[in-house]
C-alpha atoms as a PDB file:
ATOM      1  CA  UNK A   1      24.856 154.271  12.734  1.00  0.00           C
ATOM      2  CA  UNK A   2      28.368 153.015  13.450  1.00  0.00           C
ATOM      3  CA  UNK A   3      27.041 150.944  16.360  1.00  0.00           C
ATOM      4  CA  UNK A   4      24.439 149.404  14.071  1.00  0.00           C
ATOM      5  CA  UNK A   5      27.079 148.513  11.494  1.00  0.00           C
ATOM      6  CA  UNK A   6      29.253 146.886  14.146  1.00  0.00           C
ATOM      7  CA  UNK A   7      26.258 144.869  15.359  1.00  0.00           C
ATOM      8  CA  UNK A   8      25.438 143.702  11.826  1.00  0.00           C
ATOM      9  CA  UNK A   9      29.079 142.802  11.250  1.00  0.00           C
ATOM     10  CA  UNK A  10      29.114 140.651  14.395  1.00  0.00           C
ATOM     11  CA  UNK A  11      25.925 138.910  13.282  1.00  0.00           C
ATOM     12  CA  UNK A  12      27.024 138.326   9.700  1.00  0.00           C
ATOM     13  CA  UNK A  13      30.617 137.224  10.367  1.00  0.00           C
ATOM     14  CA  UNK A  14      29.704 133.668  11.492  1.00  0.00           C
ATOM     15  CA  UNK A  15      27.438 133.282   8.456  1.00  0.00           C
ATOM     16  CA  UNK A  16      30.210 134.408   6.120  1.00  0.00           C
ATOM     17  CA  UNK A  17      32.612 131.948   7.733  1.00  0.00           C
ATOM     18  CA  UNK A  18      30.080 129.170   7.261  1.00  0.00           C
ATOM     19  CA  UNK A  19      29.667 130.030   3.574  1.00  0.00           C
ATOM     20  CA  UNK A  20      33.430 129.971   3.062  1.00  0.00           C
ATOM     21  CA  UNK A  21      33.671 126.596   4.788  1.00  0.00           C
ATOM     22  CA  UNK A  22      30.968 125.187   2.526  1.00  0.00           C
ATOM     23  CA  UNK A  23      32.567 126.467  -0.665  1.00  0.00           C
ATOM     24  CA  UNK A  24      35.008 124.061  -2.366  1.00  0.00           C
ATOM     25  CA  UNK A  25      38.600 125.210  -2.137  1.00  0.00           C
ATOM     26  CA  UNK A  26      40.190 126.542  -5.271  1.00  0.00           C
ATOM     27  CA  UNK A  27      41.234 123.587  -7.418  1.00  0.00           C
ATOM     28  CA  UNK A  28      39.097 121.143  -5.439  1.00  0.00           C
ATOM     29  CA  UNK A  29      37.837 118.282  -7.551  1.00  0.00           C
ATOM     30  CA  UNK A  30      34.202 117.424  -8.075  1.00  0.00           C
ATOM     31  CA  UNK A  31      32.985 113.876  -7.571  1.00  0.00           C
ATOM     32  CA  UNK A  32      32.169 111.657 -10.538  1.00  0.00           C
ATOM     33  CA  UNK A  33      28.422 112.191 -10.129  1.00  0.00           C
ATOM     34  CA  UNK A  34      28.873 115.900 -10.811  1.00  0.00           C
ATOM     35  CA  UNK A  35      27.365 116.295 -14.346  1.00  0.00           C
ATOM     36  CA  UNK A  36      30.540 117.484 -16.145  1.00  0.00           C
ATOM     37  CA  UNK A  37      32.573 114.701 -14.498  1.00  0.00           C
ATOM     38  CA  UNK A  38      29.904 112.117 -15.290  1.00  0.00           C
ATOM     39  CA  UNK A  39      30.073 113.188 -18.936  1.00  0.00           C
ATOM     40  CA  UNK A  40      33.834 112.531 -18.880  1.00  0.00           C
ATOM     41  CA  UNK A  41      33.209 109.096 -17.345  1.00  0.00           C
ATOM     42  CA  UNK A  42      30.705 108.189 -20.047  1.00  0.00           C
ATOM     43  CA  UNK A  43      33.158 109.206 -22.779  1.00  0.00           C
ATOM     44  CA  UNK A  44      36.036 107.287 -21.199  1.00  0.00           C
ATOM     45  CA  UNK A  45      33.989 104.092 -20.963  1.00  0.00           C
ATOM     46  CA  UNK A  46      32.761 104.538 -24.522  1.00  0.00           C
ATOM     47  CA  UNK A  47      36.331 104.767 -25.788  1.00  0.00           C
ATOM     48  CA  UNK A  48      36.997 101.318 -24.314  1.00  0.00           C
ATOM     49  CA  UNK A  49      33.636  99.693 -25.013  1.00  0.00           C
ATOM     50  CA  UNK A  50      32.914 101.176 -28.440  1.00  0.00           C
ATOM     51  CA  UNK A  51      36.136 102.866 -29.692  1.00  0.00           C
ATOM     52  CA  UNK A  52      34.348 106.216 -29.745  1.00  0.00           C
ATOM     53  CA  UNK A  53      33.902 109.220 -27.474  1.00  0.00           C
ATOM     54  CA  UNK A  54      30.347 109.651 -28.714  1.00  0.00           C
ATOM     55  CA  UNK A  55      28.701 107.579 -25.996  1.00  0.00           C
ATOM     56  CA  UNK A  56      25.218 108.762 -26.946  1.00  0.00           C
ATOM     57  CA  UNK A  57      25.620 107.020 -30.295  1.00  0.00           C
ATOM     58  CA  UNK A  58      25.954 103.612 -28.608  1.00  0.00           C
ATOM     59  CA  UNK A  59      22.352 102.886 -27.632  1.00  0.00           C
ATOM     60  CA  UNK A  60      21.937 100.900 -30.893  1.00  0.00           C
ATOM     61  CA  UNK A  61      25.178  98.923 -30.544  1.00  0.00           C
ATOM     62  CA  UNK A  62      24.871  95.132 -30.342  1.00  0.00           C
ATOM     63  CA  UNK A  63      27.162  92.198 -31.185  1.00  0.00           C
ATOM     64  CA  UNK A  64      28.616  88.999 -29.757  1.00  0.00           C
ATOM     65  CA  UNK A  65      32.242  89.789 -28.887  1.00  0.00           C
ATOM     66  CA  UNK A  66      32.994  86.130 -28.051  1.00  0.00           C
ATOM     67  CA  UNK A  67      33.627  86.708 -24.359  1.00  0.00           C
ATOM     68  CA  UNK A  68      31.244  84.005 -23.174  1.00  0.00           C
ATOM     69  CA  UNK A  69      28.499  86.485 -22.266  1.00  0.00           C
ATOM     70  CA  UNK A  70      26.308  86.204 -25.375  1.00  0.00           C
ATOM     71  CA  UNK A  71      25.252  89.452 -27.007  1.00  0.00           C
ATOM     72  CA  UNK A  72      26.832  92.665 -25.741  1.00  0.00           C
ATOM     73  CA  UNK A  73      24.733  95.753 -26.374  1.00  0.00           C
ATOM     74  CA  UNK A  74      24.031  99.374 -25.594  1.00  0.00           C
ATOM     75  CA  UNK A  75      25.757 102.069 -23.600  1.00  0.00           C
ATOM     76  CA  UNK A  76      27.915  99.988 -21.285  1.00  0.00           C
ATOM     77  CA  UNK A  77      27.810  96.580 -22.907  1.00  0.00           C
ATOM     78  CA  UNK A  78      24.722  95.067 -21.296  1.00  0.00           C
ATOM     79  CA  UNK A  79      24.924  91.293 -21.860  1.00  0.00           C
ATOM     80  CA  UNK A  80      22.359  88.608 -22.511  1.00  0.00           C
ATOM     81  CA  UNK A  81      24.437  86.171 -20.475  1.00  0.00           C
ATOM     82  CA  UNK A  82      24.838  88.494 -17.487  1.00  0.00           C
ATOM     83  CA  UNK A  83      21.156  89.315 -17.247  1.00  0.00           C
ATOM     84  CA  UNK A  84      21.568  93.085 -17.224  1.00  0.00           C
ATOM     85  CA  UNK A  85      20.323  93.296 -20.821  1.00  0.00           C
ATOM     86  CA  UNK A  86      17.215  91.432 -19.713  1.00  0.00           C
ATOM     87  CA  UNK A  87      16.650  94.056 -16.998  1.00  0.00           C
ATOM     88  CA  UNK A  88      16.940  96.834 -19.590  1.00  0.00           C
ATOM     89  CA  UNK A  89      14.257  95.182 -21.737  1.00  0.00           C
ATOM     90  CA  UNK A  90      12.014  94.598 -18.714  1.00  0.00           C
ATOM     91  CA  UNK A  91      12.345  98.256 -17.700  1.00  0.00           C
ATOM     92  CA  UNK A  92      11.627  99.371 -21.259  1.00  0.00           C
ATOM     93  CA  UNK A  93       8.604  97.099 -21.413  1.00  0.00           C
ATOM     94  CA  UNK A  94       7.159  98.704 -18.289  1.00  0.00           C
ATOM     95  CA  UNK A  95       7.414 102.065 -20.037  1.00  0.00           C
ATOM     96  CA  UNK A  96       6.182 100.768 -23.417  1.00  0.00           C
ATOM     97  CA  UNK A  97       4.455  97.367 -23.289  1.00  0.00           C
ATOM     98  CA  UNK A  98       4.073  97.120 -27.083  1.00  0.00           C
ATOM     99  CA  UNK A  99       7.777  97.492 -27.888  1.00  0.00           C
ATOM    100  CA  UNK A 100       9.788  95.580 -30.512  1.00  0.00           C
ATOM    101  CA  UNK A 101      11.694  93.555 -27.894  1.00  0.00           C
ATOM    102  CA  UNK A 102       8.879  92.269 -25.709  1.00  0.00           C
ATOM    103  CA  UNK A 103       8.512  89.015 -27.684  1.00  0.00           C
ATOM    104  CA  UNK A 104      12.125  88.111 -26.847  1.00  0.00           C
ATOM    105  CA  UNK A 105      11.667  88.264 -23.064  1.00  0.00           C
ATOM    106  CA  UNK A 106      11.158  84.478 -22.650  1.00  0.00           C
ATOM    107  CA  UNK A 107      14.325  83.762 -24.665  1.00  0.00           C
ATOM    108  CA  UNK A 108      16.318  86.374 -22.744  1.00  0.00           C
ATOM    109  CA  UNK A 109      15.361  84.682 -19.486  1.00  0.00           C
ATOM    110  CA  UNK A 110      16.387  81.294 -20.873  1.00  0.00           C
ATOM    111  CA  UNK A 111      19.854  82.368 -22.080  1.00  0.00           C
ATOM    112  CA  UNK A 112      20.756  84.211 -18.888  1.00  0.00           C
ATOM    113  CA  UNK A 113      23.935  82.744 -17.443  1.00  0.00           C
ATOM    114  CA  UNK A 114      25.425  81.563 -20.733  1.00  0.00           C
ATOM    115  CA  UNK A 115      26.379  82.589 -24.241  1.00  0.00           C
ATOM    116  CA  UNK A 116      23.490  81.031 -26.161  1.00  0.00           C
ATOM    117  CA  UNK A 117      21.658  82.852 -28.962  1.00  0.00           C
ATOM    118  CA  UNK A 118      18.679  80.489 -28.794  1.00  0.00           C
ATOM    119  CA  UNK A 119      15.478  82.348 -29.563  1.00  0.00           C
ATOM    120  CA  UNK A 120      17.383  85.527 -30.373  1.00  0.00           C
ATOM    121  CA  UNK A 121      19.628  85.768 -33.471  1.00  0.00           C
ATOM    122  CA  UNK A 122      19.367  88.373 -36.199  1.00  0.00           C
ATOM    123  CA  UNK A 123      15.701  89.082 -35.446  1.00  0.00           C
ATOM    124  CA  UNK A 124      16.654  90.113 -31.928  1.00  0.00           C
ATOM    125  CA  UNK A 125      19.610  92.284 -32.955  1.00  0.00           C
ATOM    126  CA  UNK A 126      17.433  94.070 -35.516  1.00  0.00           C
ATOM    127  CA  UNK A 127      14.731  94.636 -32.909  1.00  0.00           C
ATOM    128  CA  UNK A 128      17.298  96.003 -30.443  1.00  0.00           C
ATOM    129  CA  UNK A 129      18.501  98.566 -32.985  1.00  0.00           C
ATOM    130  CA  UNK A 130      14.929  99.518 -33.814  1.00  0.00           C
ATOM    131  CA  UNK A 131      13.991  99.931 -30.158  1.00  0.00           C
ATOM    132  CA  UNK A 132      17.093 102.009 -29.421  1.00  0.00           C
ATOM    133  CA  UNK A 133      15.639 104.857 -31.498  1.00  0.00           C
ATOM    134  CA  UNK A 134      12.843 105.177 -28.949  1.00  0.00           C
ATOM    135  CA  UNK A 135      13.596 107.757 -26.190  1.00  0.00           C
ATOM    136  CA  UNK A 136      11.949 105.411 -23.661  1.00  0.00           C
ATOM    137  CA  UNK A 137      14.452 102.685 -24.528  1.00  0.00           C
ATOM    138  CA  UNK A 138      17.320 105.148 -24.131  1.00  0.00           C
ATOM    139  CA  UNK A 139      15.963 106.163 -20.756  1.00  0.00           C
ATOM    140  CA  UNK A 140      15.766 102.485 -19.757  1.00  0.00           C
ATOM    141  CA  UNK A 141      19.447 102.051 -20.640  1.00  0.00           C
ATOM    142  CA  UNK A 142      20.430 105.217 -18.756  1.00  0.00           C
ATOM    143  CA  UNK A 143      18.517 104.193 -15.656  1.00  0.00           C
ATOM    144  CA  UNK A 144      19.831 100.618 -15.567  1.00  0.00           C
ATOM    145  CA  UNK A 145      23.394 101.842 -16.132  1.00  0.00           C
ATOM    146  CA  UNK A 146      23.071 104.181 -13.169  1.00  0.00           C
ATOM    147  CA  UNK A 147      21.252 101.711 -10.923  1.00  0.00           C
ATOM    148  CA  UNK A 148      23.463  98.684 -11.509  1.00  0.00           C
ATOM    149  CA  UNK A 149      26.857 100.238 -12.167  1.00  0.00           C
ATOM    150  CA  UNK A 150      27.357 103.969 -11.817  1.00  0.00           C
ATOM    151  CA  UNK A 151      25.592 104.757  -8.537  1.00  0.00           C
ATOM    152  CA  UNK A 152      26.895 101.772  -6.517  1.00  0.00           C
ATOM    153  CA  UNK A 153      30.445 102.175  -7.866  1.00  0.00           C
ATOM    154  CA  UNK A 154      30.607 105.871  -7.006  1.00  0.00           C
ATOM    155  CA  UNK A 155      29.047 105.292  -3.583  1.00  0.00           C
ATOM    156  CA  UNK A 156      31.543 102.518  -2.768  1.00  0.00           C
ATOM    157  CA  UNK A 157      34.460 104.671  -3.938  1.00  0.00           C
ATOM    158  CA  UNK A 158      33.325 107.606  -1.810  1.00  0.00           C
ATOM    159  CA  UNK A 159      33.080 105.303   1.210  1.00  0.00           C
ATOM    160  CA  UNK A 160      36.673 104.244   0.520  1.00  0.00           C
ATOM    161  CA  UNK A 161      37.702 107.906   0.456  1.00  0.00           C
ATOM    162  CA  UNK A 162      38.544 108.021  -3.250  1.00  0.00           C
ATOM    163  CA  UNK A 163      38.413 111.056  -5.524  1.00  0.00           C
ATOM    164  CA  UNK A 164      37.007 111.305  -9.030  1.00  0.00           C
ATOM    165  CA  UNK A 165      39.698 109.124 -10.635  1.00  0.00           C
ATOM    166  CA  UNK A 166      39.193 106.360  -8.096  1.00  0.00           C
ATOM    167  CA  UNK A 167      35.446 106.640  -8.512  1.00  0.00           C
ATOM    168  CA  UNK A 168      35.872 106.215 -12.264  1.00  0.00           C
ATOM    169  CA  UNK A 169      38.238 103.267 -11.806  1.00  0.00           C
ATOM    170  CA  UNK A 170      35.581 101.566  -9.670  1.00  0.00           C
ATOM    171  CA  UNK A 171      32.840 102.392 -12.188  1.00  0.00           C
ATOM    172  CA  UNK A 172      34.779 100.982 -15.135  1.00  0.00           C
ATOM    173  CA  UNK A 173      35.436  97.804 -13.158  1.00  0.00           C
ATOM    174  CA  UNK A 174      31.734  97.474 -12.342  1.00  0.00           C
ATOM    175  CA  UNK A 175      30.892  97.872 -16.047  1.00  0.00           C
ATOM    176  CA  UNK A 176      33.255  95.147 -17.222  1.00  0.00           C
ATOM    177  CA  UNK A 177      33.177  92.659 -14.347  1.00  0.00           C
ATOM    178  CA  UNK A 178      29.940  93.272 -12.471  1.00  0.00           C
ATOM    179  CA  UNK A 179      29.857  93.351  -8.684  1.00  0.00           C
ATOM    180  CA  UNK A 180      30.049  89.649  -7.839  1.00  0.00           C
ATOM    181  CA  UNK A 181      32.000  86.738  -9.288  1.00  0.00           C
ATOM    182  CA  UNK A 182      30.275  84.710 -11.980  1.00  0.00           C
ATOM    183  CA  UNK A 183      31.119  81.570 -13.905  1.00  0.00           C
ATOM    184  CA  UNK A 184      34.754  81.842 -15.049  1.00  0.00           C
ATOM    185  CA  UNK A 185      34.852  85.584 -14.218  1.00  0.00           C
ATOM    186  CA  UNK A 186      36.050  87.658 -11.291  1.00  0.00           C
ATOM    187  CA  UNK A 187      33.796  90.463 -10.059  1.00  0.00           C
ATOM    188  CA  UNK A 188      34.487  93.880  -8.586  1.00  0.00           C
ATOM    189  CA  UNK A 189      34.073  92.565  -5.038  1.00  0.00           C
ATOM    190  CA  UNK A 190      36.958  90.115  -5.441  1.00  0.00           C
ATOM    191  CA  UNK A 191      39.154  92.648  -7.253  1.00  0.00           C
ATOM    192  CA  UNK A 192      38.662  95.118  -4.408  1.00  0.00           C
ATOM    193  CA  UNK A 193      39.381  92.424  -1.802  1.00  0.00           C
ATOM    194  CA  UNK A 194      42.694  91.632  -3.497  1.00  0.00           C
ATOM    195  CA  UNK A 195      43.582  95.336  -3.547  1.00  0.00           C
ATOM    196  CA  UNK A 196      42.732  95.682   0.142  1.00  0.00           C
ATOM    197  CA  UNK A 197      45.070  92.805   0.923  1.00  0.00           C
ATOM    198  CA  UNK A 198      47.937  94.912  -0.453  1.00  0.00           C
ATOM    199  CA  UNK A 199      47.047  98.486   0.512  1.00  0.00           C
ATOM    200  CA  UNK A 200      44.604 100.520   2.581  1.00  0.00           C
ATOM    201  CA  UNK A 201      42.314 103.053   0.907  1.00  0.00           C
ATOM    202  CA  UNK A 202      42.262 106.643   2.194  1.00  0.00           C
ATOM    203  CA  UNK A 203      39.227 105.938   4.393  1.00  0.00           C
ATOM    204  CA  UNK A 204      41.431 103.530   6.351  1.00  0.00           C
ATOM    205  CA  UNK A 205      44.377 105.903   6.498  1.00  0.00           C
ATOM    206  CA  UNK A 206      46.125 104.624   3.378  1.00  0.00           C
ATOM    207  CA  UNK A 207      47.685 106.423   0.444  1.00  0.00           C
ATOM    208  CA  UNK A 208      45.217 106.908  -2.402  1.00  0.00           C
ATOM    209  CA  UNK A 209      47.741 106.398  -5.194  1.00  0.00           C
ATOM    210  CA  UNK A 210      49.178 103.238  -3.647  1.00  0.00           C
ATOM    211  CA  UNK A 211      45.729 101.791  -3.122  1.00  0.00           C
ATOM    212  CA  UNK A 212      44.556 102.543  -6.671  1.00  0.00           C
ATOM    213  CA  UNK A 213      47.773 101.071  -8.020  1.00  0.00           C
ATOM    214  CA  UNK A 214      47.003  97.851  -6.135  1.00  0.00           C
ATOM    215  CA  UNK A 215      43.433  97.885  -7.419  1.00  0.00           C
ATOM    216  CA  UNK A 216      44.542  98.285 -11.035  1.00  0.00           C
ATOM    217  CA  UNK A 217      47.049  95.449 -10.619  1.00  0.00           C
ATOM    218  CA  UNK A 218      44.286  93.192  -9.322  1.00  0.00           C
ATOM    219  CA  UNK A 219      42.015  94.203 -12.162  1.00  0.00           C
ATOM    220  CA  UNK A 220      44.614  93.511 -14.841  1.00  0.00           C
ATOM    221  CA  UNK A 221      45.050  90.024 -13.390  1.00  0.00           C
ATOM    222  CA  UNK A 222      41.288  89.494 -13.512  1.00  0.00           C
ATOM    223  CA  UNK A 223      41.058  90.691 -17.122  1.00  0.00           C
ATOM    224  CA  UNK A 224      43.868  88.442 -18.307  1.00  0.00           C
ATOM    225  CA  UNK A 225      42.008  85.488 -16.868  1.00  0.00           C
ATOM    226  CA  UNK A 226      38.876  86.231 -18.891  1.00  0.00           C
ATOM    227  CA  UNK A 227      38.069  85.163 -22.398  1.00  0.00           C
ATOM    228  CA  UNK A 228      37.838  88.185 -24.663  1.00  0.00           C
ATOM    229  CA  UNK A 229      39.422  90.649 -22.214  1.00  0.00           C
ATOM    230  CA  UNK A 230      43.132  89.926 -22.526  1.00  0.00           C
ATOM    231  CA  UNK A 231      43.791  93.418 -23.931  1.00  0.00           C
ATOM    232  CA  UNK A 232      44.362  95.543 -20.829  1.00  0.00           C
ATOM    233  CA  UNK A 233      45.030  98.851 -22.568  1.00  0.00           C
ATOM    234  CA  UNK A 234      41.993 100.486 -20.916  1.00  0.00           C
ATOM    235  CA  UNK A 235      44.103 100.126 -17.760  1.00  0.00           C
ATOM    236  CA  UNK A 236      47.709 100.311 -18.989  1.00  0.00           C
ATOM    237  CA  UNK A 237      47.460 103.267 -21.365  1.00  0.00           C
ATOM    238  CA  UNK A 238      44.433 105.023 -19.891  1.00  0.00           C
ATOM    239  CA  UNK A 239      43.637 104.733 -16.179  1.00  0.00           C
ATOM    240  CA  UNK A 240      47.231 104.024 -15.210  1.00  0.00           C
ATOM    241  CA  UNK A 241      48.347 107.099 -17.184  1.00  0.00           C
ATOM    242  CA  UNK A 242      45.999 109.336 -15.183  1.00  0.00           C
ATOM    243  CA  UNK A 243      47.180 107.767 -11.936  1.00  0.00           C
ATOM    244  CA  UNK A 244      50.885 108.113 -12.801  1.00  0.00           C
ATOM    245  CA  UNK A 245      50.247 111.764 -13.657  1.00  0.00           C
ATOM    246  CA  UNK A 246      48.836 112.287 -10.173  1.00  0.00           C
ATOM    247  CA  UNK A 247      45.476 113.312 -11.650  1.00  0.00           C
ATOM    248  CA  UNK A 248      43.352 111.964  -8.803  1.00  0.00           C
ATOM    249  CA  UNK A 249      40.668 114.513  -9.601  1.00  0.00           C
ATOM    250  CA  UNK A 250      40.321 113.305 -13.201  1.00  0.00           C
ATOM    251  CA  UNK A 251      40.734 116.857 -14.450  1.00  0.00           C
ATOM    252  CA  UNK A 252      40.975 117.565 -18.179  1.00  0.00           C
ATOM    253  CA  UNK A 253      42.814 117.804 -20.408  1.00  0.00           C
ATOM    254  CA  UNK A 254      42.979 114.015 -20.562  1.00  0.00           C
ATOM    255  CA  UNK A 255      44.930 112.097 -23.188  1.00  0.00           C
ATOM    256  CA  UNK A 256      44.894 108.288 -23.319  1.00  0.00           C
ATOM    257  CA  UNK A 257      44.984 105.256 -25.598  1.00  0.00           C
ATOM    258  CA  UNK A 258      42.756 102.193 -25.858  1.00  0.00           C
ATOM    259  CA  UNK A 259      43.529  99.371 -28.297  1.00  0.00           C
ATOM    260  CA  UNK A 260      46.205 101.629 -29.794  1.00  0.00           C
ATOM    261  CA  UNK A 261      43.836 104.500 -30.613  1.00  0.00           C
ATOM    262  CA  UNK A 262      44.484 107.903 -29.049  1.00  0.00           C
ATOM    263  CA  UNK A 263      41.719 109.955 -27.455  1.00  0.00           C
ATOM    264  CA  UNK A 264      41.601 113.398 -25.891  1.00  0.00           C
ATOM    265  CA  UNK A 265      39.175 115.371 -23.718  1.00  0.00           C
ATOM    266  CA  UNK A 266      40.067 119.031 -23.329  1.00  0.00           C
ATOM    267  CA  UNK A 267      37.246 120.084 -21.018  1.00  0.00           C
END
């Protein structure tokens, strides 16, 4: 019996070691695509985009914020001028061809790249709010948000060796600036290039805090050069606060300010 136990112990010991190696260390931080962390990310973006932590209440949001991108709408500020709002409507139309927005597709294609309301106006904004009550429209917004912004931002941040805070910083930059430069705007790609000129990310042997500090500096410069985005509090009194606190894992409790309003996430 004792010999059998010793044999089983020898067989099980490597498996136990493997399980321990695969288990996150105590205090280890989850990535941003972990569901609880993703929920935090959605609430943080909503505080900046919609002055509310209730991100699920933003599907119906739509207005022209005078930033040169036409109408801004939905969860992460899809824009008629950027073309991402058009992609949301196209996705929704594939799921529900007889939707309230389908008649605006020609106009949405025409205004892409500018700030025109031609063919849209109050009829379009009313139709957007009506459509946003449809679960299929909400799914279209969720899926386009993840495809265009969340998934590529998190993947790029992981490749650069960044933790949850860095992944969020990339995601928020994707949401506001898009990946590539556009007319009169600087995209994520250029912001990252400017940061890399000053500091190496962890994947290249650099210090994570120093690199993120350089990235935030580059982003503030980009925001100040854009019409409608001169208020940089989503960086100065939010993301920079987390970074200065050394909270690279974006662990709650989190307390921050945007546009002078204070927000808190306890868990």
